[in-house]
C-alpha atoms as a PDB file:
ATOM      1  CA  MET A   1      62.653 140.074  39.439  1.00  0.00           C
ATOM      2  CA  THR A   2      60.593 142.073  36.929  1.00  0.00           C
ATOM      3  CA  ALA A   3      56.797 142.159  37.085  1.00  0.00           C
ATOM      4  CA  ARG A   4      56.591 140.043  33.915  1.00  0.00           C
ATOM      5  CA  ARG A   5      58.952 137.373  35.279  1.00  0.00           C
ATOM      6  CA  LEU A   6      57.036 137.355  38.565  1.00  0.00           C
ATOM      7  CA  LEU A   7      53.751 136.741  36.759  1.00  0.00           C
ATOM      8  CA  VAL A   8      55.286 133.945  34.685  1.00  0.00           C
ATOM      9  CA  ALA A   9      56.765 132.308  37.796  1.00  0.00           C
ATOM     10  CA  LEU A  10      53.451 132.360  39.634  1.00  0.00           C
ATOM     11  CA  ALA A  11      51.586 130.961  36.654  1.00  0.00           C
ATOM     12  CA  ALA A  12      54.195 128.253  36.116  1.00  0.00           C
ATOM     13  CA  GLY A  13      53.948 127.140  39.713  1.00  0.00           C
ATOM     14  CA  LEU A  14      50.181 126.892  39.471  1.00  0.00           C
ATOM     15  CA  ALA A  15      50.422 125.007  36.189  1.00  0.00           C
ATOM     16  CA  VAL A  16      52.813 122.416  37.640  1.00  0.00           C
ATOM     17  CA  LEU A  17      50.521 121.777  40.555  1.00  0.00           C
ATOM     18  CA  SER A  18      47.461 121.617  38.329  1.00  0.00           C
ATOM     19  CA  ALA A  19      49.075 118.946  36.177  1.00  0.00           C
ATOM     20  CA  ALA A  20      50.030 116.937  39.234  1.00  0.00           C
ATOM     21  CA  ALA A  21      46.480 117.132  40.543  1.00  0.00           C
ATOM     22  CA  GLY A  22      44.939 115.562  37.462  1.00  0.00           C
ATOM     23  CA  PRO A  23      41.586 116.553  35.915  1.00  0.00           C
ATOM     24  CA  ALA A  24      40.253 118.190  39.081  1.00  0.00           C
ATOM     25  CA  PHE A  25      42.292 121.408  39.216  1.00  0.00           C
ATOM     26  CA  GLY A  26      42.997 122.688  42.670  1.00  0.00           C
ATOM     27  CA  GLY A  27      46.358 121.457  43.874  1.00  0.00           C
ATOM     28  CA  THR A  28      44.955 118.390  45.610  1.00  0.00           C
ATOM     29  CA  THR A  29      44.723 114.719  44.767  1.00  0.00           C
ATOM     30  CA  GLN A  30      41.359 114.384  46.505  1.00  0.00           C
ATOM     31  CA  THR A  31      38.351 113.593  44.360  1.00  0.00           C
ATOM     32  CA  THR A  32      36.147 116.340  42.992  1.00  0.00           C
ATOM     33  CA  GLU A  33      33.268 115.200  45.242  1.00  0.00           C
ATOM     34  CA  HIS A  34      35.212 116.215  48.334  1.00  0.00           C
ATOM     35  CA  ARG A  35      36.431 119.608  47.155  1.00  0.00           C
ATOM     36  CA  GLY A  36      34.207 122.407  48.359  1.00  0.00           C
ATOM     37  CA  ALA A  37      32.600 120.348  51.108  1.00  0.00           C
ATOM     38  CA  ARG A  38      31.943 122.618  54.066  1.00  0.00           C
ATOM     39  CA  SER A  39      31.132 122.390  57.726  1.00  0.00           C
ATOM     40  CA  LEU A  40      30.280 125.066  60.263  1.00  0.00           C
ATOM     41  CA  LEU A  41      33.208 125.372  62.661  1.00  0.00           C
ATOM     42  CA  THR A  42      31.623 127.926  64.998  1.00  0.00           C
ATOM     43  CA  SER A  43      29.034 130.703  65.093  1.00  0.00           C
ATOM     44  CA  GLY A  44      27.846 133.507  67.338  1.00  0.00           C
ATOM     45  CA  LEU A  45      30.735 135.903  66.774  1.00  0.00           C
ATOM     46  CA  SER A  46      29.838 139.609  66.906  1.00  0.00           C
ATOM     47  CA  ASN A  47      30.659 140.906  63.439  1.00  0.00           C
ATOM     48  CA  GLY A  48      33.502 138.556  62.576  1.00  0.00           C
ATOM     49  CA  PHE A  49      35.995 140.298  60.328  1.00  0.00           C
ATOM     50  CA  GLY A  50      39.761 139.832  60.075  1.00  0.00           C
ATOM     51  CA  SER A  51      41.582 136.624  60.934  1.00  0.00           C
ATOM     52  CA  THR A  52      45.009 135.059  61.189  1.00  0.00           C
ATOM     53  CA  VAL A  53      46.684 131.799  62.197  1.00  0.00           C
ATOM     54  CA  GLY A  54      48.612 132.330  65.420  1.00  0.00           C
ATOM     55  CA  PRO A  55      51.990 130.887  66.430  1.00  0.00           C
ATOM     56  CA  ASP A  56      50.091 128.117  68.237  1.00  0.00           C
ATOM     57  CA  GLY A  57      48.215 127.055  65.085  1.00  0.00           C
ATOM     58  CA  MET A  58      44.926 128.435  66.362  1.00  0.00           C
ATOM     59  CA  LEU A  59      42.649 130.852  64.497  1.00  0.00           C
ATOM     60  CA  TYR A  60      42.386 134.392  65.813  1.00  0.00           C
ATOM     61  CA  VAL A  61      39.413 136.478  64.689  1.00  0.00           C
ATOM     62  CA  THR A  62      38.408 140.086  65.345  1.00  0.00           C
ATOM     63  CA  GLU A  63      34.873 140.770  66.564  1.00  0.00           C
ATOM     64  CA  SER A  64      34.409 144.379  65.588  1.00  0.00           C
ATOM     65  CA  ALA A  65      31.046 144.922  67.323  1.00  0.00           C
ATOM     66  CA  VAL A  66      32.484 144.155  70.766  1.00  0.00           C
ATOM     67  CA  GLY A  67      36.158 145.113  70.442  1.00  0.00           C
ATOM     68  CA  ARG A  68      37.439 141.610  70.970  1.00  0.00           C
ATOM     69  CA  VAL A  69      39.938 139.150  69.471  1.00  0.00           C
ATOM     70  CA  THR A  70      38.742 135.576  69.801  1.00  0.00           C
ATOM     71  CA  ARG A  71      40.803 132.386  69.701  1.00  0.00           C
ATOM     72  CA  VAL A  72      39.206 129.488  67.821  1.00  0.00           C
ATOM     73  CA  ASP A  73      40.422 125.894  67.687  1.00  0.00           C
ATOM     74  CA  PRO A  74      40.398 124.973  63.954  1.00  0.00           C
ATOM     75  CA  HIS A  75      39.695 121.334  64.774  1.00  0.00           C
ATOM     76  CA  SER A  76      37.031 121.440  67.484  1.00  0.00           C
ATOM     77  CA  GLY A  77      35.639 124.944  67.012  1.00  0.00           C
ATOM     78  CA  ALA A  78      36.143 125.709  70.716  1.00  0.00           C
ATOM     79  CA  VAL A  79      36.088 129.472  71.314  1.00  0.00           C
ATOM     80  CA  SER A  80      37.792 131.575  73.989  1.00  0.00           C
ATOM     81  CA  THR A  81      38.511 135.282  74.416  1.00  0.00           C
ATOM     82  CA  PHE A  82      42.130 136.138  73.648  1.00  0.00           C
ATOM     83  CA  ALA A  83      41.927 139.896  74.285  1.00  0.00           C
ATOM     84  CA  SER A  84      39.245 142.550  74.711  1.00  0.00           C
ATOM     85  CA  GLY A  85      38.942 146.297  75.193  1.00  0.00           C
ATOM     86  CA  LEU A  86      39.563 147.423  71.609  1.00  0.00           C
ATOM     87  CA  PRO A  87      37.430 150.316  70.296  1.00  0.00           C
ATOM     88  CA  VAL A  88      34.116 148.988  69.021  1.00  0.00           C
ATOM     89  CA  MET A  89      32.363 149.529  65.723  1.00  0.00           C
ATOM     90  CA  ASN A  90      29.895 152.416  65.483  1.00  0.00           C
ATOM     91  CA  PRO A  91      26.545 150.704  64.721  1.00  0.00           C
ATOM     92  CA  ALA A  92      25.401 153.767  62.794  1.00  0.00           C
ATOM     93  CA  ILE A  93      28.254 153.245  60.339  1.00  0.00           C
ATOM     94  CA  GLY A  94      28.023 149.450  60.176  1.00  0.00           C
ATOM     95  CA  ILE A  95      31.724 148.870  59.559  1.00  0.00           C
ATOM     96  CA  GLY A  96      34.859 149.609  61.536  1.00  0.00           C
ATOM     97  CA  GLY A  97      36.259 148.847  64.945  1.00  0.00           C
ATOM     98  CA  ALA A  98      38.806 146.011  65.024  1.00  0.00           C
ATOM     99  CA  MET A  99      39.248 145.031  61.389  1.00  0.00           C
ATOM    100  CA  ASP A 100      42.195 142.637  61.364  1.00  0.00           C
ATOM    101  CA  VAL A 101      44.704 140.882  63.612  1.00  0.00           C
ATOM    102  CA  ALA A 102      48.242 139.594  63.046  1.00  0.00           C
ATOM    103  CA  PHE A 103      51.231 138.348  65.028  1.00  0.00           C
ATOM    104  CA  LEU A 104      54.759 139.692  64.860  1.00  0.00           C
ATOM    105  CA  ASP A 105      57.505 137.968  66.872  1.00  0.00           C
ATOM    106  CA  GLY A 106      54.865 136.267  69.007  1.00  0.00           C
ATOM    107  CA  THR A 107      53.010 139.486  69.874  1.00  0.00           C
ATOM    108  CA  ALA A 108      49.510 140.212  68.588  1.00  0.00           C
ATOM    109  CA  TYR A 109      48.488 143.466  66.923  1.00  0.00           C
ATOM    110  CA  ALA A 110      45.198 144.729  65.530  1.00  0.00           C
ATOM    111  CA  ILE A 111      44.146 147.546  63.232  1.00  0.00           C
ATOM    112  CA  VAL A 112      41.138 149.657  64.202  1.00  0.00           C
ATOM    113  CA  THR A 113      39.275 152.092  61.966  1.00  0.00           C
ATOM    114  CA  LEU A 114      36.281 154.465  61.844  1.00  0.00           C
ATOM    115  CA  VAL A 115      36.302 155.108  65.602  1.00  0.00           C
ATOM    116  CA  ASP A 116      37.734 158.638  65.632  1.00  0.00           C
ATOM    117  CA  PRO A 117      35.877 161.849  66.605  1.00  0.00           C
ATOM    118  CA  LEU A 118      35.399 162.889  62.959  1.00  0.00           C
ATOM    119  CA  VAL A 119      32.988 159.969  62.479  1.00  0.00           C
ATOM    120  CA  GLY A 120      31.338 160.166  65.893  1.00  0.00           C
ATOM    121  CA  GLY A 121      33.781 158.083  67.911  1.00  0.00           C
ATOM    122  CA  SER A 122      36.154 158.891  70.724  1.00  0.00           C
ATOM    123  CA  SER A 123      39.199 156.725  69.965  1.00  0.00           C
ATOM    124  CA  ALA A 124      42.136 156.641  67.559  1.00  0.00           C
ATOM    125  CA  ASP A 125      42.247 154.817  64.239  1.00  0.00           C
ATOM    126  CA  GLY A 126      45.429 152.839  63.998  1.00  0.00           C
ATOM    127  CA  LEU A 127      47.638 149.967  65.033  1.00  0.00           C
ATOM    128  CA  TYR A 128      47.149 148.550  68.539  1.00  0.00           C
ATOM    129  CA  ARG A 129      49.280 146.067  70.455  1.00  0.00           C
ATOM    130  CA  ILE A 130      47.107 143.528  72.248  1.00  0.00           C
ATOM    131  CA  THR A 131      48.144 141.444  75.228  1.00  0.00           C
ATOM    132  CA  PRO A 132      45.826 139.056  77.093  1.00  0.00           C
ATOM    133  CA  GLY A 133      44.731 140.523  80.397  1.00  0.00           C
ATOM    134  CA  ARG A 134      45.957 144.031  79.615  1.00  0.00           C
ATOM    135  CA  PRO A 135      44.356 147.066  77.918  1.00  0.00           C
ATOM    136  CA  PRO A 136      45.233 147.463  74.232  1.00  0.00           C
ATOM    137  CA  VAL A 137      48.013 149.971  73.543  1.00  0.00           C
ATOM    138  CA  LEU A 138      47.954 152.356  70.574  1.00  0.00           C
ATOM    139  CA  VAL A 139      51.222 151.900  68.675  1.00  0.00           C
ATOM    140  CA  ALA A 140      50.597 154.075  65.607  1.00  0.00           C
ATOM    141  CA  ASP A 141      47.874 156.684  65.109  1.00  0.00           C
ATOM    142  CA  ILE A 142      47.210 156.066  61.421  1.00  0.00           C
ATOM    143  CA  GLY A 143      44.127 158.294  61.367  1.00  0.00           C
ATOM    144  CA  ALA A 144      46.100 161.317  62.583  1.00  0.00           C
ATOM    145  CA  TRP A 145      48.756 160.653  59.944  1.00  0.00           C
ATOM    146  CA  ALA A 146      46.096 160.405  57.215  1.00  0.00           C
ATOM    147  CA  LEU A 147      44.694 163.810  58.190  1.00  0.00           C
ATOM    148  CA  THR A 148      47.999 165.440  57.363  1.00  0.00           C
ATOM    149  CA  HIS A 149      48.771 163.204  54.362  1.00  0.00           C
ATOM    150  CA  PRO A 150      45.589 163.085  52.238  1.00  0.00           C
ATOM    151  CA  PRO A 151      45.502 160.689  49.279  1.00  0.00           C
ATOM    152  CA  ALA A 152      45.527 161.677  45.619  1.00  0.00           C
ATOM    153  CA  THR A 153      42.167 160.008  44.964  1.00  0.00           C
ATOM    154  CA  PRO A 154      38.825 161.537  46.086  1.00  0.00           C
ATOM    155  CA  PHE A 155      37.641 160.645  49.593  1.00  0.00           C
ATOM    156  CA  ASP A 156      34.817 161.284  52.048  1.00  0.00           C
ATOM    157  CA  VAL A 157      36.469 160.137  55.298  1.00  0.00           C
ATOM    158  CA  PRO A 158      39.693 162.082  55.974  1.00  0.00           C
ATOM    159  CA  THR A 159      41.008 159.411  58.341  1.00  0.00           C
ATOM    160  CA  GLY A 160      40.473 156.604  55.807  1.00  0.00           C
ATOM    161  CA  VAL A 161      39.077 153.091  56.183  1.00  0.00           C
ATOM    162  CA  LEU A 162      41.735 150.545  57.150  1.00  0.00           C
ATOM    163  CA  TYR A 163      41.004 146.984  56.045  1.00  0.00           C
ATOM    164  CA  ALA A 164      43.807 144.430  56.385  1.00  0.00           C
ATOM    165  CA  MET A 165      47.336 144.053  57.730  1.00  0.00           C
ATOM    166  CA  GLU A 166      50.332 141.827  56.994  1.00  0.00           C
ATOM    167  CA  PRO A 167      53.696 141.556  58.822  1.00  0.00           C
ATOM    168  CA  TRP A 168      56.445 143.145  56.739  1.00  0.00           C
ATOM    169  CA  ARG A 169      60.098 143.715  57.603  1.00  0.00           C
ATOM    170  CA  GLY A 170      59.638 144.328  61.315  1.00  0.00           C
ATOM    171  CA  GLY A 171      56.376 146.241  60.953  1.00  0.00           C
ATOM    172  CA  PHE A 172      53.128 145.921  59.034  1.00  0.00           C
ATOM    173  CA  LEU A 173      51.692 146.708  55.651  1.00  0.00           C
ATOM    174  CA  VAL A 174      48.134 148.016  56.020  1.00  0.00           C
ATOM    175  CA  THR A 175      45.551 148.558  53.289  1.00  0.00           C
ATOM    176  CA  ASP A 176      43.340 151.633  53.295  1.00  0.00           C
ATOM    177  CA  GLY A 177      40.433 150.704  51.043  1.00  0.00           C
ATOM    178  CA  HIS A 178      38.987 154.208  51.081  1.00  0.00           C
ATOM    179  CA  HIS A 179      42.193 156.146  50.440  1.00  0.00           C
ATOM    180  CA  ASN A 180      43.340 153.556  47.871  1.00  0.00           C
ATOM    181  CA  ARG A 181      46.799 152.994  49.241  1.00  0.00           C
ATOM    182  CA  LEU A 182      49.066 150.591  51.036  1.00  0.00           C
ATOM    183  CA  LEU A 183      50.720 151.927  54.198  1.00  0.00           C
ATOM    184  CA  ASP A 184      53.946 150.912  55.909  1.00  0.00           C
ATOM    185  CA  VAL A 185      53.394 151.098  59.681  1.00  0.00           C
ATOM    186  CA  ARG A 186      56.358 150.764  62.048  1.00  0.00           C
ATOM    187  CA  LEU A 187      56.300 149.776  65.718  1.00  0.00           C
ATOM    188  CA  ASP A 188      57.784 153.142  66.680  1.00  0.00           C
ATOM    189  CA  GLY A 189      54.599 154.795  65.391  1.00  0.00           C
ATOM    190  CA  THR A 190      55.980 155.900  62.019  1.00  0.00           C
ATOM    191  CA  VAL A 191      53.522 155.719  59.114  1.00  0.00           C
ATOM    192  CA  THR A 192      54.478 156.133  55.448  1.00  0.00           C
ATOM    193  CA  GLU A 193      52.737 155.562  52.153  1.00  0.00           C
ATOM    194  CA  TYR A 194      54.213 152.394  50.662  1.00  0.00           C
ATOM    195  CA  ARG A 195      52.224 152.453  47.424  1.00  0.00           C
ATOM    196  CA  ALA A 196      49.339 154.515  46.075  1.00  0.00           C
ATOM    197  CA  PHE A 197      46.735 153.225  43.634  1.00  0.00           C
ATOM    198  CA  PRO A 198      43.918 154.621  41.529  1.00  0.00           C
ATOM    199  CA  ASN A 199      40.369 153.826  42.646  1.00  0.00           C
ATOM    200  CA  VAL A 200      40.818 150.053  43.065  1.00  0.00           C
ATOM    201  CA  VAL A 201      39.735 149.640  46.730  1.00  0.00           C
ATOM    202  CA  PRO A 202      42.624 147.540  48.114  1.00  0.00           C
ATOM    203  CA  THR A 203      41.540 144.925  50.672  1.00  0.00           C
ATOM    204  CA  GLY A 204      43.212 141.667  51.762  1.00  0.00           C
ATOM    205  CA  LEU A 205      46.945 140.999  51.869  1.00  0.00           C
ATOM    206  CA  GLU A 206      49.255 138.009  51.665  1.00  0.00           C
ATOM    207  CA  ARG A 207      53.027 137.708  51.574  1.00  0.00           C
ATOM    208  CA  GLN A 208      55.024 134.943  49.922  1.00  0.00           C
ATOM    209  CA  GLY A 209      58.708 135.543  50.600  1.00  0.00           C
ATOM    210  CA  GLY A 210      59.474 138.964  49.159  1.00  0.00           C
ATOM    211  CA  THR A 211      56.313 139.095  47.066  1.00  0.00           C
ATOM    212  CA  ILE A 212      53.250 141.001  48.237  1.00  0.00           C
ATOM    213  CA  LEU A 213      49.854 139.801  47.060  1.00  0.00           C
ATOM    214  CA  MET A 214      46.989 142.274  47.369  1.00  0.00           C
ATOM    215  CA  ALA A 215      43.293 141.772  46.679  1.00  0.00           C
ATOM    216  CA  GLN A 216      41.215 144.621  45.311  1.00  0.00           C
ATOM    217  CA  ALA A 217      37.441 144.935  45.399  1.00  0.00           C
ATOM    218  CA  GLY A 218      37.376 147.414  42.545  1.00  0.00           C
ATOM    219  CA  PRO A 219      35.315 150.607  42.432  1.00  0.00           C
ATOM    220  CA  VAL A 220      31.545 150.672  42.867  1.00  0.00           C
ATOM    221  CA  PRO A 221      29.656 148.712  41.518  1.00  0.00           C
ATOM    222  CA  HIS A 222      32.440 146.117  42.029  1.00  0.00           C
ATOM    223  CA  GLN A 223      32.223 144.372  38.676  1.00  0.00           C
ATOM    224  CA  PRO A 224      33.795 140.881  38.415  1.00  0.00           C
ATOM    225  CA  GLN A 225      36.509 142.104  36.050  1.00  0.00           C
ATOM    226  CA  ASP A 226      37.552 144.670  38.663  1.00  0.00           C
ATOM    227  CA  GLY A 227      38.015 142.069  41.391  1.00  0.00           C
ATOM    228  CA  ARG A 228      41.713 141.328  40.998  1.00  0.00           C
ATOM    229  CA  VAL A 229      44.806 140.078  42.796  1.00  0.00           C
ATOM    230  CA  LEU A 230      47.959 142.107  42.280  1.00  0.00           C
ATOM    231  CA  ALA A 231      51.553 141.006  42.916  1.00  0.00           C
ATOM    232  CA  PHE A 232      54.627 143.203  43.428  1.00  0.00           C
ATOM    233  CA  ARG A 233      57.963 142.987  45.215  1.00  0.00           C
ATOM    234  CA  SER A 234      58.749 146.584  46.144  1.00  0.00           C
ATOM    235  CA  GLN A 235      57.450 150.126  46.235  1.00  0.00           C
ATOM    236  CA  THR A 236      58.523 150.764  42.661  1.00  0.00           C
ATOM    237  CA  ASP A 237      58.094 147.329  41.083  1.00  0.00           C
ATOM    238  CA  PRO A 238      55.238 147.436  38.525  1.00  0.00           C
ATOM    239  CA  ALA A 239      52.235 145.541  39.884  1.00  0.00           C
ATOM    240  CA  SER A 240      51.229 142.429  37.944  1.00  0.00           C
ATOM    241  CA  VAL A 241      47.650 141.160  37.760  1.00  0.00           C
ATOM    242  CA  VAL A 242      47.864 137.476  38.713  1.00  0.00           C
ATOM    243  CA  ALA A 243      44.114 136.820  38.973  1.00  0.00           C
ATOM    244  CA  SER A 244      40.809 138.471  38.103  1.00  0.00           C
ATOM    245  CA  GLY A 245      37.161 137.693  37.541  1.00  0.00           C
ATOM    246  CA  ALA A 246      35.216 137.705  40.828  1.00  0.00           C
ATOM    247  CA  PRO A 247      33.298 140.641  42.339  1.00  0.00           C
ATOM    248  CA  LEU A 248      34.277 142.455  45.517  1.00  0.00           C
ATOM    249  CA  LEU A 249      37.412 140.529  46.433  1.00  0.00           C
ATOM    250  CA  VAL A 250      38.192 140.905  50.132  1.00  0.00           C
ATOM    251  CA  ASP A 251      41.097 138.519  50.758  1.00  0.00           C
ATOM    252  CA  VAL A 252      43.853 136.467  49.159  1.00  0.00           C
ATOM    253  CA  GLU A 253      45.794 133.530  50.608  1.00  0.00           C
ATOM    254  CA  ARG A 254      48.498 131.266  49.269  1.00  0.00           C
ATOM    255  CA  SER A 255      49.783 127.904  50.432  1.00  0.00           C
ATOM    256  CA  GLY A 256      52.678 126.570  48.384  1.00  0.00           C
ATOM    257  CA  HIS A 257      51.604 126.909  44.767  1.00  0.00           C
ATOM    258  CA  ARG A 258      47.904 127.086  45.616  1.00  0.00           C
ATOM    259  CA  LEU A 259      46.410 130.564  45.405  1.00  0.00           C
ATOM    260  CA  TYR A 260      42.897 131.401  46.596  1.00  0.00           C
ATOM    261  CA  ALA A 261      40.820 134.568  46.592  1.00  0.00           C
ATOM    262  CA  LEU A 262      37.699 135.351  48.603  1.00  0.00           C
ATOM    263  CA  SER A 263      34.813 137.173  46.929  1.00  0.00           C
ATOM    264  CA  GLN A 264      32.217 138.768  49.182  1.00  0.00           C
ATOM    265  CA  GLY A 265      29.688 138.536  46.360  1.00  0.00           C
ATOM    266  CA  ASP A 266      27.358 140.703  44.338  1.00  0.00           C
ATOM    267  CA  TYR A 267      27.189 144.416  45.042  1.00  0.00           C
ATOM    268  CA  SER A 268      24.065 145.286  47.032  1.00  0.00           C
ATOM    269  CA  GLY A 269      23.520 148.682  45.441  1.00  0.00           C
ATOM    270  CA  ASP A 270      23.625 150.326  48.862  1.00  0.00           C
ATOM    271  CA  PRO A 271      25.998 153.208  49.645  1.00  0.00           C
ATOM    272  CA  ALA A 272      29.671 152.659  48.938  1.00  0.00           C
ATOM    273  CA  GLY A 273      31.273 150.494  51.600  1.00  0.00           C
ATOM    274  CA  SER A 274      28.178 148.397  52.193  1.00  0.00           C
ATOM    275  CA  PRO A 275      28.633 144.607  52.227  1.00  0.00           C
ATOM    276  CA  ALA A 276      27.579 142.398  49.341  1.00  0.00           C
ATOM    277  CA  LEU A 277      24.204 140.753  49.017  1.00  0.00           C
ATOM    278  CA  PRO A 278      23.742 137.868  51.481  1.00  0.00           C
ATOM    279  CA  ASP A 279      24.688 134.366  50.327  1.00  0.00           C
ATOM    280  CA  THR A 280      26.437 135.503  47.129  1.00  0.00           C
ATOM    281  CA  GLY A 281      30.052 135.125  48.298  1.00  0.00           C
ATOM    282  CA  THR A 282      32.459 132.593  46.828  1.00  0.00           C
ATOM    283  CA  LEU A 283      35.838 131.043  47.571  1.00  0.00           C
ATOM    284  CA  GLN A 284      37.824 131.018  44.335  1.00  0.00           C
ATOM    285  CA  GLN A 285      40.963 129.146  43.296  1.00  0.00           C
ATOM    286  CA  VAL A 286      43.269 130.799  40.802  1.00  0.00           C
ATOM    287  CA  ALA A 287      43.896 128.853  37.597  1.00  0.00           C
ATOM    288  CA  PRO A 288      47.220 128.936  35.693  1.00  0.00           C
ATOM    289  CA  ASP A 289      45.831 131.486  33.238  1.00  0.00           C
ATOM    290  CA  GLY A 290      44.822 133.873  36.050  1.00  0.00           C
ATOM    291  CA  SER A 291      41.135 133.110  35.873  1.00  0.00           C
ATOM    292  CA  MET A 292      39.222 132.005  38.968  1.00  0.00           C
ATOM    293  CA  ARG A 293      37.263 128.825  39.547  1.00  0.00           C
ATOM    294  CA  PRO A 294      34.793 128.579  42.444  1.00  0.00           C
ATOM    295  CA  VAL A 295      35.556 126.062  45.166  1.00  0.00           C
ATOM    296  CA  ALA A 296      32.603 127.065  47.350  1.00  0.00           C
ATOM    297  CA  THR A 297      29.592 129.260  46.617  1.00  0.00           C
ATOM    298  CA  ALA A 298      26.642 130.824  48.487  1.00  0.00           C
ATOM    299  CA  LEU A 299      28.833 132.148  51.311  1.00  0.00           C
ATOM    300  CA  ASP A 300      27.133 134.810  53.430  1.00  0.00           C
ATOM    301  CA  ARG A 301      29.184 138.025  53.228  1.00  0.00           C
ATOM    302  CA  PRO A 302      32.615 136.509  53.909  1.00  0.00           C
ATOM    303  CA  THR A 303      35.284 138.868  55.230  1.00  0.00           C
ATOM    304  CA  SER A 304      38.546 136.910  55.574  1.00  0.00           C
ATOM    305  CA  LEU A 305      40.220 133.611  54.701  1.00  0.00           C
ATOM    306  CA  GLU A 306      42.903 131.459  56.315  1.00  0.00           C
ATOM    307  CA  LEU A 307      44.483 128.234  55.026  1.00  0.00           C
ATOM    308  CA  ILE A 308      45.525 125.372  57.295  1.00  0.00           C
ATOM    309  CA  GLY A 309      46.594 122.223  55.504  1.00  0.00           C
ATOM    310  CA  ARG A 310      43.890 121.194  53.031  1.00  0.00           C
ATOM    311  CA  SER A 311      41.211 123.327  54.669  1.00  0.00           C
ATOM    312  CA  GLY A 312      40.155 126.906  54.143  1.00  0.00           C
ATOM    313  CA  TYR A 313      38.593 128.806  57.045  1.00  0.00           C
ATOM    314  CA  VAL A 314      36.191 131.552  56.020  1.00  0.00           C
ATOM    315  CA  THR A 315      34.978 134.135  58.543  1.00  0.00           C
ATOM    316  CA  THR A 316      31.668 135.837  57.752  1.00  0.00           C
ATOM    317  CA  LEU A 317      30.106 139.130  58.737  1.00  0.00           C
ATOM    318  CA  ASP A 318      27.241 137.336  60.490  1.00  0.00           C
ATOM    319  CA  GLY A 319      29.660 135.735  62.945  1.00  0.00           C
ATOM    320  CA  GLU A 320      30.313 132.299  61.496  1.00  0.00           C
ATOM    321  CA  ILE A 321      33.499 130.437  60.571  1.00  0.00           C
ATOM    322  CA  TRP A 322      33.189 127.784  57.889  1.00  0.00           C
ATOM    323  CA  ARG A 323      35.728 125.047  57.185  1.00  0.00           C
ATOM    324  CA  ILE A 324      35.936 124.265  53.473  1.00  0.00           C
ATOM    325  CA  GLN A 325      37.745 121.305  51.958  1.00  0.00           C
ATOM    326  CA  LEU A 326      40.295 122.389  49.351  1.00  0.00           C
END
């Protein structure tokens, strides 16, 4: 499928669902008053960051400040430790440690970044296999690979800044937001560059069949027009822009024909890599024309999004998970 046909197919699917939903666009027959309603599912996480829905239907969230993956019941909000012992975030940097978590064939994996000796740490940046009750195991040393395979775009951190992961053909696709590329990481430790980009700051990932959806925050100062969602089907397939218009996009999720993007909010003006201003984040739904329409606003530095049924679950940097009606 060409990039143009892919874009048309995505837009057509959204348009069909929009028509079925009536005046309140959003792929739901619920009234407008209910869309966007939110409730606090849980709080107290230590730097909540990446998330996924596990094989058991539970939420799994990384807590980068303490090197932990936490299991959260999406209905009751009950919290329990799934695994611990991952390298922790360096407080002096303010980002890093366990960034994201995903399952492959029932086994959990996490990506860890900014913990290597070059940035004051003592661990390896890469893909870790995590098993409850056992120490995490380094599967692929992505930082070491990056040192010998520098990107084409300018960089300050030679080992990169990994952001998100997505299962892909027996391994994982991993975004490096600093090196502006998408990596293919295999369970035998092999790392290759799947796609390289200009300075777009790739962040969250989603997969729908053979199509990869990738959010991009855009370069500093993260203007709304630079916050985009790209779609492509292979390493060489031209990337299509399927959505744009919100600043500092950090995640993208799709359920059926419904496509959502998570904006962390307005750029703070701090050094590159700093989070957005507090309480400026938004959950956006993609319209048939590729524009975005806010479902929920005033989110406090959201980092990741999961969809379960008609609810969106937003994890925030200050350790909260919010359930939002879609």
